[in-house]
């Protein structure tokens, strides 16, 4: 599978990282968030069906929450046969 990330998602992640860098005053949290997003993207690319189905939408729409010890970000994605 090939993972395509919308540019708006990249912008939102950068904004979240900047927010937590300023708000939490903790480089550790920002680093853990980077790892969490990276792990989520890896799961989407390599095990796309691992994400939970989105209620009310077709089966190929999924969601994946970052690890429980991180702020509650949920990433929504769509599985397509070619991507």
N, C-alpha and C. Protein backbone atom coordinates (compact mmCIF):
# COMPACT_ATOMS: atom_id res chain seq x y z
N UNK A 1 0.84 -1.18 0.00
CA UNK A 1 0.00 0.00 0.00
C UNK A 1 0.88 1.25 0.00
N UNK A 2 0.34 2.28 -0.57
CA UNK A 2 1.02 3.57 -0.59
C UNK A 2 0.19 4.54 0.22
N UNK A 3 0.82 5.25 1.13
CA UNK A 3 0.13 6.21 1.98
C UNK A 3 0.27 7.60 1.38
N UNK A 4 -0.85 8.25 1.17
CA UNK A 4 -0.87 9.63 0.68
C UNK A 4 -1.43 10.49 1.81
N UNK A 5 -0.65 11.47 2.23
CA UNK A 5 -1.06 12.34 3.32
C UNK A 5 -1.43 13.70 2.74
N UNK A 6 -2.63 14.13 3.01
CA UNK A 6 -3.10 15.43 2.55
C UNK A 6 -2.24 16.53 3.16
N UNK A 7 -1.84 17.54 2.37
CA UNK A 7 -1.04 18.63 2.92
C UNK A 7 -1.68 19.31 4.13
N UNK A 8 -2.99 19.36 4.18
CA UNK A 8 -3.67 19.97 5.34
C UNK A 8 -3.39 19.17 6.62
N UNK A 9 -3.21 17.86 6.48
CA UNK A 9 -2.89 17.03 7.64
C UNK A 9 -1.49 17.38 8.15
N UNK A 10 -0.54 17.52 7.23
CA UNK A 10 0.81 17.91 7.64
C UNK A 10 0.79 19.25 8.37
N UNK A 11 0.02 20.20 7.85
CA UNK A 11 -0.09 21.51 8.50
C UNK A 11 -0.70 21.40 9.89
N UNK A 12 -1.71 20.56 10.03
CA UNK A 12 -2.36 20.38 11.33
C UNK A 12 -1.40 19.74 12.33
N UNK A 13 -0.60 18.80 11.87
CA UNK A 13 0.36 18.15 12.77
C UNK A 13 1.42 19.15 13.21
N UNK A 14 1.93 19.96 12.29
CA UNK A 14 2.92 20.98 12.65
C UNK A 14 2.31 21.95 13.65
N UNK A 15 1.07 22.36 13.43
CA UNK A 15 0.40 23.27 14.36
C UNK A 15 0.25 22.63 15.74
N UNK A 16 -0.10 21.36 15.78
CA UNK A 16 -0.25 20.66 17.06
C UNK A 16 1.10 20.57 17.78
N UNK A 17 2.14 20.25 17.04
CA UNK A 17 3.47 20.16 17.66
C UNK A 17 3.92 21.51 18.19
N UNK A 18 3.67 22.57 17.43
CA UNK A 18 4.01 23.92 17.89
C UNK A 18 3.22 24.29 19.13
N UNK A 19 1.93 23.92 19.14
CA UNK A 19 1.09 24.20 20.30
C UNK A 19 1.66 23.53 21.55
N UNK A 20 1.94 22.23 21.44
CA UNK A 20 2.42 21.51 22.61
C UNK A 20 3.82 21.93 23.01
N UNK A 21 4.62 22.36 22.06
CA UNK A 21 5.96 22.85 22.40
C UNK A 21 5.85 24.11 23.26
N UNK A 22 4.89 24.97 22.93
CA UNK A 22 4.70 26.20 23.69
C UNK A 22 3.92 25.98 24.98
N UNK A 23 2.88 25.15 24.90
CA UNK A 23 1.96 24.96 26.03
C UNK A 23 2.54 24.06 27.11
N UNK A 24 3.06 22.93 26.70
CA UNK A 24 3.53 21.95 27.67
C UNK A 24 4.94 22.26 28.16
N UNK A 25 5.64 23.10 27.39
CA UNK A 25 7.03 23.43 27.72
C UNK A 25 7.83 22.15 27.96
N UNK A 26 7.58 21.16 27.10
CA UNK A 26 8.23 19.87 27.26
C UNK A 26 8.64 19.32 25.90
N UNK A 27 9.93 19.30 25.66
CA UNK A 27 10.41 18.72 24.41
C UNK A 27 10.11 17.23 24.37
N UNK A 28 10.04 16.61 25.54
CA UNK A 28 9.75 15.18 25.60
C UNK A 28 8.38 14.86 25.00
N UNK A 29 7.38 15.67 25.32
CA UNK A 29 6.04 15.44 24.79
C UNK A 29 6.03 15.60 23.27
N UNK A 30 6.69 16.62 22.78
CA UNK A 30 6.74 16.85 21.33
C UNK A 30 7.42 15.66 20.65
N UNK A 31 8.49 15.18 21.22
CA UNK A 31 9.19 14.02 20.65
C UNK A 31 8.30 12.78 20.66
N UNK A 32 7.58 12.56 21.76
CA UNK A 32 6.67 11.42 21.84
C UNK A 32 5.53 11.54 20.83
N UNK A 33 5.05 12.76 20.62
CA UNK A 33 4.01 12.98 19.61
C UNK A 33 4.53 12.66 18.21
N UNK A 34 5.74 13.10 17.91
CA UNK A 34 6.35 12.79 16.61
C UNK A 34 6.41 11.28 16.40
N UNK A 35 6.85 10.57 17.41
CA UNK A 35 6.92 9.11 17.32
C UNK A 35 5.51 8.53 17.17
N UNK A 36 4.55 9.06 17.91
CA UNK A 36 3.17 8.57 17.82
C UNK A 36 2.56 8.77 16.44
N UNK A 37 2.76 9.94 15.85
CA UNK A 37 2.25 10.18 14.50
C UNK A 37 2.96 9.26 13.50
N UNK A 38 4.26 9.10 13.66
CA UNK A 38 5.01 8.23 12.76
C UNK A 38 4.51 6.79 12.85
N UNK A 39 4.24 6.32 14.07
CA UNK A 39 3.73 4.96 14.25
C UNK A 39 2.34 4.83 13.62
N UNK A 40 1.50 5.83 13.79
CA UNK A 40 0.16 5.79 13.20
C UNK A 40 0.24 5.73 11.68
N UNK A 41 1.10 6.54 11.09
CA UNK A 41 1.26 6.51 9.64
C UNK A 41 1.79 5.16 9.16
N UNK A 42 2.68 4.57 9.94
CA UNK A 42 3.20 3.25 9.58
C UNK A 42 2.10 2.20 9.61
N UNK A 43 1.24 2.25 10.61
CA UNK A 43 0.12 1.31 10.69
C UNK A 43 -0.82 1.52 9.50
N UNK A 44 -1.13 2.78 9.20
CA UNK A 44 -2.02 3.06 8.06
C UNK A 44 -1.45 2.50 6.76
N UNK A 45 -0.15 2.60 6.61
CA UNK A 45 0.48 2.16 5.37
C UNK A 45 0.64 0.64 5.31
N UNK A 46 1.02 0.03 6.42
CA UNK A 46 1.36 -1.39 6.42
C UNK A 46 0.25 -2.31 6.91
N UNK A 47 -0.63 -1.81 7.75
CA UNK A 47 -1.75 -2.60 8.28
C UNK A 47 -3.02 -1.76 8.27
N UNK A 48 -3.45 -1.29 7.11
CA UNK A 48 -4.54 -0.32 7.07
C UNK A 48 -5.85 -0.79 7.70
N UNK A 49 -6.11 -2.08 7.70
CA UNK A 49 -7.36 -2.58 8.28
C UNK A 49 -7.32 -2.65 9.81
N UNK A 50 -6.19 -2.35 10.39
CA UNK A 50 -6.05 -2.36 11.84
C UNK A 50 -6.84 -1.22 12.50
N UNK A 51 -7.03 -0.13 11.77
CA UNK A 51 -7.81 0.98 12.31
C UNK A 51 -9.26 0.58 12.50
N UNK A 52 -9.95 1.28 13.38
CA UNK A 52 -11.36 0.97 13.64
C UNK A 52 -12.22 1.58 12.54
N UNK A 53 -13.30 0.89 12.23
CA UNK A 53 -14.26 1.40 11.25
C UNK A 53 -14.91 2.67 11.80
N UNK A 54 -15.25 3.57 10.90
CA UNK A 54 -15.94 4.80 11.27
C UNK A 54 -17.44 4.52 11.19
N UNK A 55 -18.14 4.61 12.32
CA UNK A 55 -19.57 4.32 12.32
C UNK A 55 -20.33 5.17 11.30
N UNK A 56 -21.23 4.52 10.59
CA UNK A 56 -22.07 5.21 9.64
C UNK A 56 -21.46 5.42 8.27
N UNK A 57 -20.21 5.01 8.10
CA UNK A 57 -19.54 5.15 6.80
C UNK A 57 -19.17 3.76 6.26
N UNK A 58 -18.88 3.67 4.96
CA UNK A 58 -18.48 2.37 4.40
C UNK A 58 -17.24 1.80 5.09
N UNK A 59 -17.04 0.51 4.92
CA UNK A 59 -15.97 -0.21 5.63
C UNK A 59 -14.57 0.36 5.36
N UNK A 60 -14.35 0.95 4.22
CA UNK A 60 -12.99 1.41 3.90
C UNK A 60 -12.64 2.75 4.57
N UNK A 61 -13.54 3.31 5.37
CA UNK A 61 -13.21 4.49 6.15
C UNK A 61 -12.82 4.03 7.56
N UNK A 62 -11.65 4.46 7.98
CA UNK A 62 -11.11 4.00 9.27
C UNK A 62 -10.61 5.17 10.11
N UNK A 63 -10.38 4.88 11.37
CA UNK A 63 -9.82 5.86 12.29
C UNK A 63 -8.79 5.17 13.17
N UNK A 64 -7.82 5.94 13.59
CA UNK A 64 -6.75 5.40 14.42
C UNK A 64 -6.39 6.46 15.46
N UNK A 65 -6.42 6.08 16.71
CA UNK A 65 -6.08 7.01 17.80
C UNK A 65 -4.61 6.84 18.14
N UNK A 66 -3.97 7.96 18.47
CA UNK A 66 -2.58 7.87 18.92
C UNK A 66 -2.54 7.09 20.23
N UNK A 67 -1.37 6.66 20.60
CA UNK A 67 -1.19 5.87 21.82
C UNK A 67 -1.86 6.56 23.02
N UNK A 68 -2.41 5.78 23.96
CA UNK A 68 -3.16 6.34 25.09
C UNK A 68 -2.38 7.34 25.95
N UNK A 69 -1.07 7.23 26.00
CA UNK A 69 -0.29 8.14 26.85
C UNK A 69 -0.02 9.48 26.18
N UNK A 70 -0.57 9.67 24.98
CA UNK A 70 -0.42 10.93 24.24
C UNK A 70 -1.75 11.67 24.22
N UNK A 71 -1.72 12.98 23.93
CA UNK A 71 -3.00 13.70 23.78
C UNK A 71 -3.89 12.98 22.77
N UNK A 72 -5.18 13.10 22.93
CA UNK A 72 -6.15 12.28 22.21
C UNK A 72 -6.38 12.61 20.74
N UNK A 73 -5.36 12.57 19.94
CA UNK A 73 -5.53 12.80 18.51
C UNK A 73 -6.04 11.54 17.83
N UNK A 74 -7.03 11.73 16.96
CA UNK A 74 -7.58 10.63 16.18
C UNK A 74 -7.39 10.97 14.71
N UNK A 75 -6.81 10.05 13.97
CA UNK A 75 -6.56 10.25 12.54
C UNK A 75 -7.58 9.42 11.76
N UNK A 76 -8.24 10.06 10.83
CA UNK A 76 -9.23 9.40 9.98
C UNK A 76 -8.61 9.19 8.61
N UNK A 77 -8.88 8.03 8.01
CA UNK A 77 -8.32 7.74 6.69
C UNK A 77 -9.24 6.84 5.91
N UNK A 78 -8.93 6.72 4.64
CA UNK A 78 -9.73 5.92 3.72
C UNK A 78 -8.80 4.93 3.03
N UNK A 79 -9.21 3.67 2.97
CA UNK A 79 -8.44 2.64 2.29
C UNK A 79 -8.93 2.54 0.86
N UNK A 80 -8.01 2.65 -0.07
CA UNK A 80 -8.32 2.46 -1.48
C UNK A 80 -7.45 1.32 -2.00
N UNK A 81 -7.98 0.53 -2.88
CA UNK A 81 -7.27 -0.66 -3.37
C UNK A 81 -5.90 -0.32 -3.94
N UNK A 82 -5.79 0.81 -4.61
CA UNK A 82 -4.53 1.14 -5.28
C UNK A 82 -3.58 1.98 -4.42
N UNK A 83 -4.04 2.45 -3.27
CA UNK A 83 -3.21 3.36 -2.47
C UNK A 83 -3.29 3.01 -1.00
